[in-house]
Amino acid sequence: MFSDNDRISGIQLRRQIAVGLTGAFLLILTKESALFGRSGFLGLLCGFGGLLLYLLVLVHASASYRAPELLLGRTGGAILRLFYLSYLVLTGSFLLAEATAMVRTYLMPGSQGLTAAVLLLAVSLLGTGSDVQRRGRMGEASYPLLMLGFLVMLAVAAGAVNSDLLDAAPALDGGDTLQGAYAYYGACMILSVVPFLLNRVQEEHIFSHMARAMAAVTLITGSALLILLGIFGYEGLVQQKTPILKLMSRVMLPGGFLDRFDIIWIAFLLFSLLFGLGTVLFYGRTIGEFGTFTKGGYVLALLMLIGALVPWGRADIRSFYGTALQWFYTPALTVVPIFMWLYGKWRKMG
C-alpha cells in the first residue's frame, strides 16, 4: 500500500489486532468462569471500558517506546526490553500449548505433543514475515473472511439457544463483576507491546483503530459467552473444560449439510491462534531488535516451545500463565506505560 516498506496503515493495524486476538479470546475467555452469567457479561463490558483508558495511555506513551534507551539509559532500556520479552515468551508458550492441545484432540488424535507443537510453531514462523508490511497485508487479506466466518457460525449456533437457561443464570454480584472485568482486562495486556510499533503506523486516529478492533473482538467474545450460556446453562458451562470447542458439535444443519461443522469452526480458531502466535514472535523480534530470525527469532521460538511442553512444577504453562498474568504481568504492564508516558513528558519539560 505504501512505498515505505517500514510502515503500515491504521486499518492494517486494526485488522491485525482483530485477526490475532479473536481466536485466542474465544478459546481462552469462554472457559473463564469469572465471565459466565450476568455478572460475567457486565464484567466484560466494564473490562472493555478499562481497556479504552489503557489504550489512551499506550498511544500517549508510544513516543517513549521508540528508543527507550534514550529515555532510560542503556541499562534501563535493556531491562525494559527484557521485561516485555519475558511476557511475550510466556504468552507465546501459553498460546502454543493451547493450540497443541486443540490439534491433538480434534485434528491429530494420538499424535505426540512435541510433533504437533513443532508443526504449529513452524507454520507460525513461516507466516510471521520479516517486515511489518507483510504482516499488515496478511491481516488485511484474512480479516474479512475470518471475521465473517466467526459471525456466521455464531449466528447458526444461536439458533440452538434455550432462553430458559439464560434466565436461570445467577443474579448480578459486584465481586464477580470485578473478577470478570479483571480477567478480561488481563487478557488484553497483549496490546501492551503495541507502542513499540506505533511509530511505524502511517495514519492518525490510532486510538480509534485500536478501539474498533477490540470492540469487534469483544462483541464476538461476548456473543459467544451468551450463546454458550444459552446452550449449556450456567452449571453446565462451569463444568466444561473447553466449551467453545464443544459448541459446534451441538449444531445440526438441516439435511445433514456440513456434517462436521465443528471441524470448520476449529479451523477458523486455529488460523486465528496461529496468526496470534506469529504476531507474538514478530513483536519479540522487534522488541529484542533481532534483525532477522537467525539473529534471535529462532531462539524466541525455541524458548516458547520449551515453555509449552516442559512441566511447571505440578502444572503446565496453561495453569501457571493465569497466575503469573493475574498477580504480576497485568499490574506491571499497566504501571510501566503510565510511567513511560509521564517520565517522557517530564524529561521534555526539563
Protein backbone atom coordinates (compact mmCIF):
# COMPACT_ATOMS: atom_id res chain seq x y z
CA MET A 1 0.00 0.00 0.00
CA PHE A 2 2.87 2.37 0.76
CA SER A 3 6.20 2.88 -0.96
CA ASP A 4 7.76 2.94 2.50
CA ASN A 5 8.11 -0.74 3.35
CA ASP A 6 8.60 0.03 7.02
CA ARG A 7 5.11 1.40 7.69
CA ILE A 8 1.51 0.18 7.72
CA SER A 9 -1.85 1.94 7.82
CA GLY A 10 -4.12 2.24 10.83
CA ILE A 11 -6.61 -0.04 9.09
CA GLN A 12 -3.96 -2.73 8.71
CA LEU A 13 -3.09 -2.41 12.39
CA ARG A 14 -6.76 -2.72 13.34
CA ARG A 15 -7.24 -5.83 11.26
CA GLN A 16 -4.05 -7.44 12.56
CA ILE A 17 -5.26 -6.98 16.13
CA ALA A 18 -8.71 -8.41 15.37
CA VAL A 19 -7.40 -11.42 13.45
CA GLY A 20 -4.74 -12.26 16.03
CA LEU A 21 -6.91 -11.92 19.15
CA THR A 22 -10.39 -13.15 18.22
CA GLY A 23 -9.49 -16.84 18.17
CA ALA A 24 -7.45 -16.63 21.36
CA PHE A 25 -10.21 -14.76 23.21
CA LEU A 26 -12.85 -17.22 22.02
CA LEU A 27 -10.81 -20.20 23.13
CA ILE A 28 -9.49 -18.83 26.42
CA LEU A 29 -12.03 -16.36 27.80
CA THR A 30 -15.00 -18.66 27.16
CA LYS A 31 -13.62 -21.04 29.79
CA GLU A 32 -13.00 -18.26 32.31
CA SER A 33 -15.71 -18.81 34.93
CA ALA A 34 -15.46 -15.18 36.07
CA LEU A 35 -17.04 -14.19 32.74
CA PHE A 36 -20.05 -16.52 32.96
CA GLY A 37 -23.58 -15.34 33.63
CA ARG A 38 -24.93 -11.86 34.23
CA SER A 39 -22.02 -10.73 36.40
CA GLY A 40 -19.51 -12.04 33.88
CA PHE A 41 -21.14 -10.23 30.97
CA LEU A 42 -21.24 -6.97 32.93
CA GLY A 43 -17.60 -7.58 33.90
CA LEU A 44 -16.74 -7.96 30.22
CA LEU A 45 -18.27 -4.56 29.49
CA CYS A 46 -16.54 -2.94 32.47
CA GLY A 47 -13.24 -4.50 31.45
CA PHE A 48 -13.68 -3.07 27.96
CA GLY A 49 -14.19 0.38 29.49
CA GLY A 50 -10.94 -0.02 31.43
CA LEU A 51 -9.21 -1.17 28.27
CA LEU A 52 -10.20 2.02 26.42
CA LEU A 53 -8.43 4.07 29.09
CA TYR A 54 -5.42 1.78 28.80
CA LEU A 55 -5.31 2.24 25.03
CA LEU A 56 -5.20 6.00 25.51
CA VAL A 57 -2.18 5.55 27.77
CA LEU A 58 -0.45 3.31 25.22
CA VAL A 59 -0.96 5.82 22.43
CA HIS A 60 0.35 8.72 24.53
CA ALA A 61 3.32 6.65 25.76
CA SER A 62 4.31 5.41 22.30
CA ALA A 63 6.86 8.18 21.74
CA SER A 64 8.81 6.96 24.78
CA TYR A 65 9.00 3.44 23.33
CA ARG A 66 10.60 4.44 20.04
CA ALA A 67 14.05 4.43 21.62
CA PRO A 68 13.67 3.61 25.33
CA GLU A 69 17.46 3.71 25.81
CA LEU A 70 17.39 7.47 25.16
CA LEU A 71 14.90 7.89 27.99
CA LEU A 72 16.07 5.26 30.47
CA GLY A 73 19.71 4.84 29.59
CA ARG A 74 21.31 1.74 28.11
CA THR A 75 20.78 -0.45 31.17
CA GLY A 76 17.22 0.76 31.78
CA GLY A 77 16.29 0.26 28.15
CA ALA A 78 17.69 -3.27 28.18
CA ILE A 79 15.74 -4.12 31.34
CA LEU A 80 12.55 -2.76 29.75
CA ARG A 81 13.04 -4.86 26.62
CA LEU A 82 13.82 -8.00 28.66
CA PHE A 83 10.66 -7.47 30.72
CA TYR A 84 8.47 -7.32 27.63
CA LEU A 85 10.32 -10.24 26.03
CA SER A 86 9.68 -12.38 29.13
CA TYR A 87 5.98 -11.61 28.84
CA LEU A 88 5.95 -12.45 25.13
CA VAL A 89 7.80 -15.74 25.62
CA LEU A 90 5.37 -16.73 28.38
CA THR A 91 2.37 -15.70 26.28
CA GLY A 92 3.72 -17.46 23.19
CA SER A 93 4.27 -20.64 25.23
CA PHE A 94 0.71 -20.42 26.50
CA LEU A 95 -0.81 -19.93 23.04
CA LEU A 96 1.29 -22.75 21.63
CA ALA A 97 0.18 -25.08 24.44
CA GLU A 98 -3.48 -24.21 23.80
CA ALA A 99 -3.15 -24.74 20.05
CA THR A 100 -1.27 -28.01 20.55
CA ALA A 101 -3.93 -29.38 22.90
CA MET A 102 -6.67 -28.46 20.42
CA VAL A 103 -4.86 -30.08 17.47
CA ARG A 104 -4.06 -33.28 19.39
CA THR A 105 -7.68 -33.63 20.48
CA TYR A 106 -9.57 -32.75 17.32
CA LEU A 107 -7.27 -32.84 14.29
CA MET A 108 -4.37 -35.22 15.09
CA PRO A 109 -5.63 -37.70 17.72
CA GLY A 110 -2.86 -39.83 19.16
CA SER A 111 -0.05 -37.55 17.98
CA GLN A 112 2.83 -36.64 20.24
CA GLY A 113 2.76 -33.20 21.85
CA LEU A 114 6.23 -32.38 20.53
CA THR A 115 5.28 -33.25 16.96
CA ALA A 116 2.13 -31.12 16.99
CA ALA A 117 3.86 -28.21 18.73
CA VAL A 118 6.80 -28.18 16.29
CA LEU A 119 4.44 -28.24 13.30
CA LEU A 120 2.34 -25.39 14.68
CA LEU A 121 5.40 -23.33 15.56
CA ALA A 122 6.89 -23.92 12.11
CA VAL A 123 3.69 -22.68 10.45
CA SER A 124 3.70 -19.59 12.67
CA LEU A 125 7.35 -18.89 11.88
CA LEU A 126 6.81 -19.22 8.14
CA GLY A 127 3.87 -16.82 8.27
CA THR A 128 5.45 -14.30 10.63
CA GLY A 129 7.35 -12.43 7.98
CA SER A 130 10.43 -10.28 8.27
CA ASP A 131 8.78 -6.87 7.86
CA VAL A 132 5.76 -5.04 9.18
CA GLN A 133 4.29 -4.54 5.72
CA ARG A 134 3.96 -8.28 5.12
CA ARG A 135 2.08 -8.77 8.37
CA GLY A 136 -0.12 -5.81 7.50
CA ARG A 137 -1.09 -7.35 4.17
CA MET A 138 -1.71 -10.75 5.76
CA GLY A 139 -4.02 -9.29 8.37
CA GLU A 140 -5.84 -7.13 5.86
CA ALA A 141 -6.43 -10.05 3.48
CA SER A 142 -7.60 -12.57 6.09
CA TYR A 143 -9.75 -10.20 8.17
CA PRO A 144 -12.98 -10.22 6.07
CA LEU A 145 -13.19 -13.99 5.67
CA LEU A 146 -12.19 -14.82 9.24
CA MET A 147 -14.49 -12.35 10.98
CA LEU A 148 -17.40 -13.17 8.69
CA GLY A 149 -16.82 -16.86 9.37
CA PHE A 150 -16.93 -16.33 13.12
CA LEU A 151 -20.10 -14.23 12.89
CA VAL A 152 -21.93 -16.67 10.59
CA MET A 153 -21.06 -19.68 12.73
CA LEU A 154 -22.11 -17.95 15.94
CA ALA A 155 -25.35 -16.88 14.27
CA VAL A 156 -26.03 -20.51 13.34
CA ALA A 157 -25.21 -21.66 16.88
CA ALA A 158 -27.55 -19.00 18.31
CA GLY A 159 -30.44 -20.98 16.86
CA ALA A 160 -29.81 -23.69 19.48
CA VAL A 161 -30.02 -21.28 22.46
CA ASN A 162 -32.54 -22.08 25.19
CA SER A 163 -33.81 -18.81 26.66
CA ASP A 164 -34.76 -20.58 29.91
CA LEU A 165 -31.09 -21.34 30.54
CA LEU A 166 -30.24 -17.67 30.09
CA ASP A 167 -32.93 -16.67 32.59
CA ALA A 168 -31.63 -19.23 35.09
CA ALA A 169 -28.18 -17.61 35.32
CA PRO A 170 -27.20 -16.33 38.80
CA ALA A 171 -28.09 -12.79 39.79
CA LEU A 172 -25.63 -9.93 39.50
CA ASP A 173 -22.83 -9.88 42.06
CA GLY A 174 -20.40 -7.00 42.48
CA GLY A 175 -17.42 -9.17 43.40
CA ASP A 176 -17.96 -11.49 40.44
CA THR A 177 -18.30 -8.50 38.14
CA LEU A 178 -14.94 -7.13 39.29
CA GLN A 179 -13.31 -10.53 38.79
CA GLY A 180 -14.72 -10.74 35.28
CA ALA A 181 -13.55 -7.22 34.43
CA TYR A 182 -10.03 -8.00 35.67
CA ALA A 183 -9.92 -11.31 33.76
CA TYR A 184 -10.89 -9.58 30.51
CA TYR A 185 -8.54 -6.64 31.12
CA GLY A 186 -5.65 -9.02 31.88
CA ALA A 187 -6.20 -10.88 28.60
CA CYS A 188 -5.89 -7.55 26.79
CA MET A 189 -2.36 -7.00 28.14
CA ILE A 190 -1.04 -8.45 24.90
CA LEU A 191 -1.73 -4.98 23.48
CA SER A 192 0.91 -3.58 25.84
CA VAL A 193 3.59 -4.31 23.24
CA VAL A 194 1.92 -2.24 20.51
CA PRO A 195 3.70 1.07 21.44
CA PHE A 196 6.96 -0.43 20.18
CA LEU A 197 5.40 -0.46 16.71
CA LEU A 198 3.16 2.63 16.67
CA ASN A 199 5.88 4.83 15.20
CA ARG A 200 5.63 2.59 12.12
CA VAL A 201 1.89 3.13 11.64
CA GLN A 202 1.27 5.69 8.90
CA GLU A 203 -2.02 7.23 9.92
CA GLU A 204 -3.71 9.38 12.52
CA HIS A 205 -6.54 8.26 14.81
CA ILE A 206 -4.54 5.27 16.06
CA PHE A 207 -6.63 5.08 19.23
CA SER A 208 -9.80 4.84 17.16
CA HIS A 209 -8.43 1.95 15.10
CA MET A 210 -7.27 0.03 18.17
CA ALA A 211 -10.55 0.65 19.99
CA ARG A 212 -12.59 -0.50 16.99
CA ALA A 213 -10.50 -3.67 16.70
CA MET A 214 -11.08 -4.52 20.35
CA ALA A 215 -14.77 -3.64 20.10
CA ALA A 216 -15.11 -6.26 17.35
CA VAL A 217 -13.17 -8.84 19.37
CA THR A 218 -15.24 -8.09 22.47
CA LEU A 219 -18.52 -8.25 20.57
CA ILE A 220 -17.72 -11.70 19.19
CA THR A 221 -16.42 -12.96 22.54
CA GLY A 222 -19.43 -11.61 24.44
CA SER A 223 -21.81 -13.12 21.90
CA ALA A 224 -20.10 -16.49 22.22
CA LEU A 225 -20.37 -16.35 26.03
CA LEU A 226 -24.11 -15.66 25.82
CA ILE A 227 -24.66 -18.43 23.27
CA LEU A 228 -22.68 -20.91 25.38
CA LEU A 229 -24.72 -19.94 28.43
CA GLY A 230 -27.94 -20.49 26.48
CA ILE A 231 -26.82 -23.90 25.26
CA PHE A 232 -25.03 -25.43 28.26
CA GLY A 233 -26.56 -23.43 31.11
CA TYR A 234 -24.50 -21.84 33.89
CA GLU A 235 -23.75 -25.06 35.78
CA GLY A 236 -23.02 -26.98 32.60
CA LEU A 237 -20.72 -24.23 31.36
CA VAL A 238 -18.73 -24.25 34.60
CA GLN A 239 -18.12 -27.99 34.18
CA GLN A 240 -16.85 -27.68 30.59
CA LYS A 241 -13.07 -27.53 30.10
CA THR A 242 -13.17 -26.01 26.60
CA PRO A 243 -16.82 -25.14 25.90
CA ILE A 244 -16.11 -23.22 22.70
CA LEU A 245 -14.76 -26.40 21.08
CA LYS A 246 -17.91 -28.28 22.03
CA LEU A 247 -20.20 -25.57 20.72
CA MET A 248 -20.43 -26.56 17.07
CA SER A 249 -20.91 -30.24 17.90
CA ARG A 250 -24.32 -29.16 19.22
CA VAL A 251 -25.24 -27.52 15.90
CA MET A 252 -27.12 -29.68 13.40
CA LEU A 253 -27.83 -28.15 10.00
CA PRO A 254 -30.91 -29.27 8.04
CA GLY A 255 -30.38 -32.17 5.63
CA GLY A 256 -27.06 -33.14 7.18
CA PHE A 257 -25.33 -30.26 5.35
CA LEU A 258 -21.74 -29.85 6.56
CA ASP A 259 -21.96 -32.83 8.91
CA ARG A 260 -18.61 -31.94 10.53
CA PHE A 261 -19.42 -28.28 11.05
CA ASP A 262 -17.24 -28.36 14.18
CA ILE A 263 -14.09 -29.02 12.10
CA ILE A 264 -14.66 -25.83 10.11
CA TRP A 265 -15.11 -23.93 13.39
CA ILE A 266 -11.85 -25.38 14.76
CA ALA A 267 -10.04 -24.44 11.54
CA PHE A 268 -11.07 -20.79 11.97
CA LEU A 269 -9.98 -20.84 15.61
CA LEU A 270 -6.66 -22.45 14.76
CA PHE A 271 -5.88 -19.95 11.99
CA SER A 272 -6.51 -17.05 14.35
CA LEU A 273 -4.40 -18.68 17.08
CA LEU A 274 -1.50 -19.23 14.71
CA PHE A 275 -1.71 -15.66 13.43
CA GLY A 276 -1.65 -14.50 17.05
CA LEU A 277 1.36 -16.71 17.79
CA GLY A 278 3.11 -15.30 14.72
CA THR A 279 2.37 -11.80 15.98
CA VAL A 280 3.96 -12.65 19.34
CA LEU A 281 7.08 -13.86 17.51
CA PHE A 282 7.13 -10.74 15.34
CA TYR A 283 6.89 -8.37 18.30
CA GLY A 284 9.52 -10.39 20.13
CA ARG A 285 11.87 -9.94 17.19
CA THR A 286 11.05 -6.22 17.03
CA ILE A 287 11.42 -5.53 20.76
CA GLY A 288 14.60 -7.62 21.01
CA GLU A 289 15.97 -5.75 17.98
CA PHE A 290 16.77 -9.00 16.18
CA GLY A 291 17.29 -8.00 12.56
CA THR A 292 16.46 -11.48 11.29
CA PHE A 293 15.19 -14.67 12.85
CA THR A 294 18.66 -16.17 12.54
CA LYS A 295 19.89 -13.48 14.97
CA GLY A 296 17.46 -14.36 17.74
CA GLY A 297 13.99 -15.05 16.45
CA TYR A 298 14.61 -18.77 16.39
CA VAL A 299 15.82 -18.55 19.98
CA LEU A 300 12.50 -17.00 20.96
CA ALA A 301 10.66 -19.77 19.15
CA LEU A 302 12.74 -22.40 20.95
CA LEU A 303 12.03 -20.80 24.33
CA MET A 304 8.31 -20.82 23.55
CA LEU A 305 8.47 -24.48 22.55
CA ILE A 306 10.22 -25.38 25.79
CA GLY A 307 7.75 -23.31 27.81
CA ALA A 308 4.79 -25.00 26.14
CA LEU A 309 5.99 -28.57 26.72
CA VAL A 310 8.06 -28.59 29.93
CA PRO A 311 6.04 -29.07 33.16
CA TRP A 312 5.88 -26.08 35.51
CA GLY A 313 6.05 -27.85 38.85
CA ARG A 314 2.90 -29.92 39.15
CA ALA A 315 1.12 -27.96 36.40
CA ASP A 316 1.73 -26.96 32.80
CA ILE A 317 2.08 -23.50 31.31
CA ARG A 318 -1.70 -23.13 30.95
CA SER A 319 -2.14 -23.21 34.72
CA PHE A 320 0.95 -21.15 35.54
CA TYR A 321 0.25 -18.46 32.95
CA GLY A 322 -3.03 -17.38 34.55
CA THR A 323 -1.37 -16.95 37.94
CA ALA A 324 1.59 -15.01 36.51
CA LEU A 325 -0.73 -12.79 34.48
CA GLN A 326 -3.06 -12.07 37.37
CA TRP A 327 -0.51 -11.30 40.07
CA PHE A 328 2.45 -9.88 38.17
CA TYR A 329 2.15 -9.05 34.49
CA THR A 330 -1.26 -7.34 34.49
CA PRO A 331 -0.38 -4.81 37.21
CA ALA A 332 3.17 -4.37 35.93
CA LEU A 333 2.11 -3.91 32.31
CA THR A 334 -0.43 -1.33 33.49
CA VAL A 335 2.06 0.69 35.51
CA VAL A 336 5.04 0.61 33.10
CA PRO A 337 3.44 2.52 30.16
CA ILE A 338 1.99 5.08 32.60
CA PHE A 339 5.50 5.61 33.95
CA MET A 340 6.97 5.82 30.44
CA TRP A 341 4.37 8.39 29.41
CA LEU A 342 4.72 10.62 32.47
CA TYR A 343 8.51 10.29 32.65
CA GLY A 344 8.80 11.10 28.97
CA LYS A 345 6.69 14.25 29.44
CA TRP A 346 8.76 15.28 32.47
CA ARG A 347 12.01 14.85 30.53
CA LYS A 348 10.68 17.00 27.70
CA MET A 349 9.66 19.72 30.15
CA GLY A 350 13.07 19.59 31.78
